Amino acid sequence: MGRYMGFVSMAPQAGDALARAVLSIFMNMEGSSWQFVFQAAGTIAVGLNIPLLLFVRNYPAEAEKAGEIGKTRTGEEKRPFGERIGKLLRTPLLWIVCCLSGTLYSIRSIFLLYSVTFLQDRYCYTHHANAMDLCLSGSRAASAAARSSAVYTVLGCLSVLIVGELKDRMDKHHRGLVLLGFIVPLAVVLVVLWWFAHTLTFAPSVFLIGCIGFFLFGPYKLLGGALAVDIGGKSLKATACSLMGVFDNLSAVIVLFLKGFLGQDWTLVFMFLSMFSFLSAVCAA
């Protein structure tokens, strides 16, 4: 089950990595503009959806049979919804997992949105230190940064697959060890970025961004795919996932507001993200 969860969960990351690699080509074309890049992205998206419309069914035939079987209600499901949701909300583990999910999601959001900006800054620092402003305004640095940032989601895909495999092989009581095994190195990498943000050259920066993706995506995907079911059961797993989603979005709003306030001060940005990772490790423990 975990292996299949991994394959399904890695789809957004694989698409993100492919989009970064492909669109970076358009960014580097002579006379290209953001309007041109957006038009290219839209055209590719429409082209990818044509085979879906022609060949993919709304649901597999087996789903109808499964739906008939699933109509039988268990004893837990026969209890009033208010009673079940009250019991869920009184579960301390739910709020710990929500906090863990929110902190990981906020770190994930920053790197999805700003890894290109950080790598562009490091590219210009490495290759054009004497003309940083001119380099940052050019398309070559943006293209190189976008192309290299794909390592973040590529290694994120690998992380999701590994965590899915570990989920199948390990007892559910040991999932906390899996989380810690990824989150502790994540905190270490963020501390390295915090200490050396303004002295790192381009290649080490790309490597560290890839490490962030590898140590971050797997644990985050495990929370919604496995722990939500453990906490909410079959009858309330969607509710548990929804509460985790609320914490995710609230945390992302806070950290994005903080990033806007801090601007391009990467040292402070990575300092706060390191603190978020420490809180994640505490929750996972």
Protein backbone atom coordinates (compact mmCIF):
# COMPACT_ATOMS: atom_id res chain seq x y z
CA MET A 1 0.00 0.00 0.00
CA GLY A 2 2.78 2.42 0.94
CA ARG A 3 4.57 1.77 -2.34
CA TYR A 4 1.46 2.63 -4.37
CA MET A 5 0.88 5.67 -2.14
CA GLY A 6 4.41 6.75 -2.96
CA PHE A 7 3.88 6.48 -6.72
CA VAL A 8 0.65 8.48 -6.54
CA SER A 9 2.05 11.08 -4.14
CA MET A 10 5.16 11.72 -6.23
CA ALA A 11 3.10 12.82 -9.27
CA PRO A 12 2.95 16.54 -8.31
CA GLN A 13 6.67 16.60 -7.57
CA ALA A 14 7.52 14.87 -10.85
CA GLY A 15 5.34 17.36 -12.73
CA ASP A 16 6.96 20.28 -10.93
CA ALA A 17 10.48 19.05 -11.78
CA LEU A 18 9.53 18.51 -15.43
CA ALA A 19 7.91 21.94 -15.65
CA ARG A 20 11.01 23.65 -14.22
CA ALA A 21 13.29 21.87 -16.67
CA VAL A 22 11.09 22.50 -19.72
CA LEU A 23 10.11 26.10 -18.97
CA SER A 24 13.71 27.06 -18.24
CA ILE A 25 14.37 26.44 -21.95
CA PHE A 26 11.76 29.03 -22.90
CA MET A 27 13.14 31.46 -20.32
CA ASN A 28 16.56 31.32 -21.96
CA MET A 29 15.31 31.98 -25.50
CA GLU A 30 16.36 35.19 -27.20
CA GLY A 31 13.79 37.94 -26.62
CA SER A 32 11.65 35.81 -24.30
CA SER A 33 9.39 37.43 -21.70
CA TRP A 34 7.28 36.21 -18.82
CA GLN A 35 4.22 36.49 -21.04
CA PHE A 36 5.88 34.11 -23.51
CA VAL A 37 6.77 31.66 -20.70
CA PHE A 38 3.19 31.69 -19.38
CA GLN A 39 1.80 31.12 -22.87
CA ALA A 40 4.17 28.19 -23.33
CA ALA A 41 3.10 26.71 -19.98
CA GLY A 42 -0.58 27.05 -20.85
CA THR A 43 -0.11 25.49 -24.28
CA ILE A 44 1.75 22.51 -22.83
CA ALA A 45 -0.92 22.04 -20.15
CA VAL A 46 -3.70 21.98 -22.76
CA GLY A 47 -1.73 19.51 -24.86
CA LEU A 48 -1.23 17.18 -21.89
CA ASN A 49 -4.96 17.17 -21.13
CA ILE A 50 -6.06 16.07 -24.60
CA PRO A 51 -5.04 12.39 -24.09
CA LEU A 52 -6.78 12.46 -20.68
CA LEU A 53 -10.06 13.58 -22.25
CA LEU A 54 -9.81 10.97 -25.00
CA PHE A 55 -8.58 7.88 -23.18
CA VAL A 56 -9.08 8.16 -19.39
CA ARG A 57 -12.40 7.04 -17.91
CA ASN A 58 -14.08 8.84 -15.00
CA TYR A 59 -13.46 5.83 -12.77
CA PRO A 60 -12.44 2.21 -13.22
CA ALA A 61 -15.12 -0.42 -13.61
CA GLU A 62 -14.01 -2.02 -10.34
CA ALA A 63 -15.05 1.14 -8.48
CA GLU A 64 -18.75 0.39 -8.93
CA LYS A 65 -18.39 -3.03 -7.35
CA ALA A 66 -16.26 -1.65 -4.55
CA GLY A 67 -18.83 1.06 -3.93
CA GLU A 68 -21.59 -1.50 -3.45
CA ILE A 69 -19.47 -3.40 -0.94
CA GLY A 70 -18.55 -0.20 0.90
CA LYS A 71 -22.18 0.66 1.66
CA THR A 72 -22.19 -1.59 4.71
CA ARG A 73 -21.69 0.61 7.76
CA THR A 74 -19.45 -0.47 10.62
CA GLY A 75 -20.36 -0.13 14.28
CA GLU A 76 -18.13 2.93 14.58
CA GLU A 77 -19.85 4.62 11.63
CA LYS A 78 -23.30 4.05 13.17
CA ARG A 79 -22.42 6.30 16.11
CA PRO A 80 -23.57 9.95 15.78
CA PHE A 81 -21.12 12.10 13.85
CA GLY A 82 -20.93 14.69 16.64
CA GLU A 83 -19.89 12.03 19.12
CA ARG A 84 -17.22 10.69 16.76
CA ILE A 85 -15.82 14.13 15.92
CA GLY A 86 -15.75 15.06 19.61
CA LYS A 87 -13.70 11.98 20.39
CA LEU A 88 -11.34 12.83 17.52
CA LEU A 89 -10.83 16.42 18.70
CA ARG A 90 -9.95 15.17 22.18
CA THR A 91 -7.10 13.09 20.78
CA PRO A 92 -3.75 14.79 21.62
CA LEU A 93 -2.00 12.94 18.81
CA LEU A 94 -4.21 14.72 16.26
CA TRP A 95 -2.95 18.15 17.30
CA ILE A 96 0.67 16.98 17.41
CA VAL A 97 0.38 15.63 13.86
CA CYS A 98 -1.39 18.83 12.73
CA CYS A 99 1.47 20.90 14.14
CA LEU A 100 4.02 18.62 12.48
CA SER A 101 2.19 18.79 9.16
CA GLY A 102 1.92 22.58 9.33
CA THR A 103 5.62 23.13 10.03
CA LEU A 104 6.72 20.78 7.24
CA TYR A 105 4.26 22.31 4.79
CA SER A 106 5.46 25.83 5.55
CA ILE A 107 9.08 24.83 4.85
CA ARG A 108 7.94 23.10 1.68
CA SER A 109 6.04 26.20 0.52
CA ILE A 110 9.05 28.50 0.94
CA PHE A 111 11.33 26.27 -1.11
CA LEU A 112 8.73 25.62 -3.81
CA LEU A 113 8.21 29.35 -4.28
CA TYR A 114 11.65 30.81 -3.56
CA SER A 115 14.29 28.16 -4.29
CA VAL A 116 14.72 29.64 -7.78
CA THR A 117 15.21 33.12 -6.29
CA PHE A 118 17.83 31.85 -3.85
CA LEU A 119 19.69 29.87 -6.51
CA GLN A 120 19.59 32.83 -8.89
CA ASP A 121 21.24 34.92 -6.19
CA ARG A 122 23.91 32.25 -5.63
CA TYR A 123 24.49 31.89 -9.40
CA CYS A 124 25.20 35.59 -9.76
CA TYR A 125 27.35 35.59 -6.61
CA THR A 126 29.44 32.76 -8.08
CA HIS A 127 29.76 33.85 -11.71
CA HIS A 128 29.18 37.62 -11.70
CA ALA A 129 30.02 38.86 -8.21
CA ASN A 130 31.14 42.24 -9.55
CA ALA A 131 27.90 42.82 -11.45
CA MET A 132 25.23 41.24 -9.25
CA ASP A 133 22.41 43.64 -10.15
CA LEU A 134 22.96 43.22 -13.89
CA CYS A 135 23.15 39.44 -13.53
CA LEU A 136 19.98 39.22 -11.41
CA SER A 137 18.02 41.15 -14.02
CA GLY A 138 19.12 38.86 -16.87
CA SER A 139 17.43 35.72 -18.16
CA ARG A 140 20.51 33.47 -18.10
CA ALA A 141 20.73 33.38 -14.30
CA ALA A 142 16.96 32.85 -13.97
CA SER A 143 17.07 29.99 -16.49
CA ALA A 144 20.03 28.29 -14.80
CA ALA A 145 18.39 28.64 -11.38
CA ALA A 146 15.03 27.29 -12.60
CA ARG A 147 16.69 24.33 -14.29
CA SER A 148 18.85 23.51 -11.26
CA SER A 149 15.99 23.92 -8.79
CA ALA A 150 14.35 20.85 -10.33
CA VAL A 151 16.69 18.80 -8.12
CA TYR A 152 14.48 19.84 -5.19
CA THR A 153 11.42 18.02 -6.49
CA VAL A 154 13.33 15.19 -8.22
CA LEU A 155 14.91 14.13 -4.94
CA GLY A 156 11.55 14.80 -3.30
CA CYS A 157 10.06 12.11 -5.57
CA LEU A 158 12.76 9.67 -4.47
CA SER A 159 12.04 10.52 -0.84
CA VAL A 160 8.33 9.79 -1.25
CA LEU A 161 9.07 6.39 -2.80
CA ILE A 162 11.53 5.46 -0.04
CA VAL A 163 9.15 6.50 2.73
CA GLY A 164 6.32 4.57 1.08
CA GLU A 165 8.50 1.44 0.97
CA LEU A 166 9.51 1.89 4.61
CA LYS A 167 5.85 2.30 5.55
CA ASP A 168 5.12 -1.15 4.09
CA ARG A 169 8.10 -2.82 5.75
CA MET A 170 7.89 -1.32 9.24
CA ASP A 171 5.28 -1.66 11.96
CA LYS A 172 3.05 1.38 12.31
CA HIS A 173 4.35 1.96 15.85
CA HIS A 174 7.79 2.70 14.35
CA ARG A 175 6.66 5.38 11.91
CA GLY A 176 7.92 8.04 14.29
CA LEU A 177 11.44 6.70 13.73
CA VAL A 178 10.97 7.07 9.98
CA LEU A 179 9.88 10.66 10.46
CA LEU A 180 12.81 11.46 12.75
CA GLY A 181 15.23 9.78 10.37
CA PHE A 182 14.31 12.38 7.75
CA ILE A 183 13.44 15.44 9.84
CA VAL A 184 16.65 15.55 11.91
CA PRO A 185 18.88 15.69 8.78
CA LEU A 186 16.45 18.28 7.37
CA ALA A 187 17.12 20.47 10.42
CA VAL A 188 20.88 20.01 9.98
CA VAL A 189 20.75 21.11 6.32
CA LEU A 190 18.66 24.16 7.22
CA VAL A 191 21.18 25.12 9.90
CA VAL A 192 23.97 24.87 7.31
CA LEU A 193 22.00 27.16 5.00
CA TRP A 194 21.38 29.53 7.91
CA TRP A 195 25.09 29.79 8.79
CA PHE A 196 26.48 29.99 5.24
CA ALA A 197 23.61 31.55 3.25
CA HIS A 198 25.65 34.49 1.96
CA THR A 199 28.93 32.67 1.31
CA LEU A 200 27.73 29.52 -0.49
CA THR A 201 28.56 29.22 -4.16
CA PHE A 202 26.11 27.92 -6.74
CA ALA A 203 26.94 24.18 -6.83
CA PRO A 204 26.82 23.60 -3.04
CA SER A 205 23.59 25.59 -2.90
CA VAL A 206 21.99 23.32 -5.51
CA PHE A 207 23.17 20.28 -3.55
CA LEU A 208 21.70 21.58 -0.28
CA ILE A 209 18.39 22.47 -1.96
CA GLY A 210 18.23 18.89 -3.26
CA CYS A 211 18.89 17.58 0.26
CA ILE A 212 16.01 19.70 1.57
CA GLY A 213 13.67 18.11 -0.98
CA PHE A 214 14.86 14.61 -0.13
CA PHE A 215 14.45 14.98 3.63
CA LEU A 216 11.19 16.96 3.45
CA PHE A 217 8.76 15.48 0.94
CA GLY A 218 8.66 11.89 2.21
CA PRO A 219 7.73 12.71 5.83
CA TYR A 220 5.13 15.26 4.73
CA LYS A 221 3.42 12.79 2.40
CA LEU A 222 3.44 10.10 5.10
CA LEU A 223 1.35 12.27 7.41
CA GLY A 224 -1.69 12.54 5.17
CA GLY A 225 -1.34 9.10 3.64
CA ALA A 226 -0.91 7.03 6.78
CA LEU A 227 -1.13 8.89 10.08
CA ALA A 228 -4.45 10.53 9.23
CA VAL A 229 -5.95 7.05 8.80
CA ASP A 230 -4.40 5.86 12.06
CA ILE A 231 -5.84 8.82 13.96
CA GLY A 232 -9.26 9.21 12.34
CA GLY A 233 -9.93 5.63 11.33
CA LYS A 234 -11.87 4.79 8.19
CA SER A 235 -14.84 6.92 9.19
CA LEU A 236 -12.98 10.15 10.09
CA LYS A 237 -9.78 9.99 8.04
CA ALA A 238 -11.08 12.73 5.72
CA THR A 239 -11.84 14.95 8.71
CA ALA A 240 -8.36 14.37 10.12
CA CYS A 241 -6.84 15.21 6.72
CA SER A 242 -8.96 18.37 6.55
CA LEU A 243 -7.76 19.56 9.95
CA MET A 244 -4.18 18.92 8.88
CA GLY A 245 -4.88 20.94 5.73
CA VAL A 246 -6.15 23.87 7.83
CA PHE A 247 -2.93 23.85 9.87
CA ASP A 248 -0.91 23.57 6.64
CA ASN A 249 -2.49 26.66 5.12
CA LEU A 250 -2.33 28.71 8.33
CA SER A 251 1.36 27.87 8.74
CA ALA A 252 2.06 28.70 5.09
CA VAL A 253 0.35 32.09 5.46
CA ILE A 254 2.47 32.88 8.53
CA VAL A 255 5.78 31.85 6.98
CA LEU A 256 5.07 33.57 3.65
CA PHE A 257 4.14 36.77 5.48
CA LEU A 258 7.40 36.42 7.41
CA LYS A 259 9.34 35.90 4.16
CA GLY A 260 7.79 39.05 2.71
CA PHE A 261 8.80 40.99 5.81
CA LEU A 262 12.39 39.65 5.72
CA GLY A 263 12.80 40.09 1.98
CA GLN A 264 16.09 38.77 0.57
CA ASP A 265 17.79 38.36 3.96
CA TRP A 266 18.38 34.63 3.49
CA THR A 267 20.22 34.26 6.78
CA LEU A 268 17.12 35.24 8.76
CA VAL A 269 14.82 33.26 6.45
CA PHE A 270 16.78 30.07 7.00
CA MET A 271 17.07 30.80 10.72
CA PHE A 272 13.28 30.83 11.08
CA LEU A 273 12.93 27.74 8.87
CA SER A 274 15.49 25.97 11.10
CA MET A 275 13.30 26.79 14.09
CA PHE A 276 10.32 25.30 12.27
CA SER A 277 12.34 22.15 11.61
CA PHE A 278 13.28 21.89 15.31
CA LEU A 279 9.60 22.10 16.20
CA SER A 280 8.88 19.38 13.61
CA ALA A 281 11.49 17.11 15.20
CA VAL A 282 9.95 17.65 18.64
CA CYS A 283 6.48 16.75 17.29
CA ALA A 284 7.82 13.67 15.48
CA ALA A 285 9.57 12.47 18.63
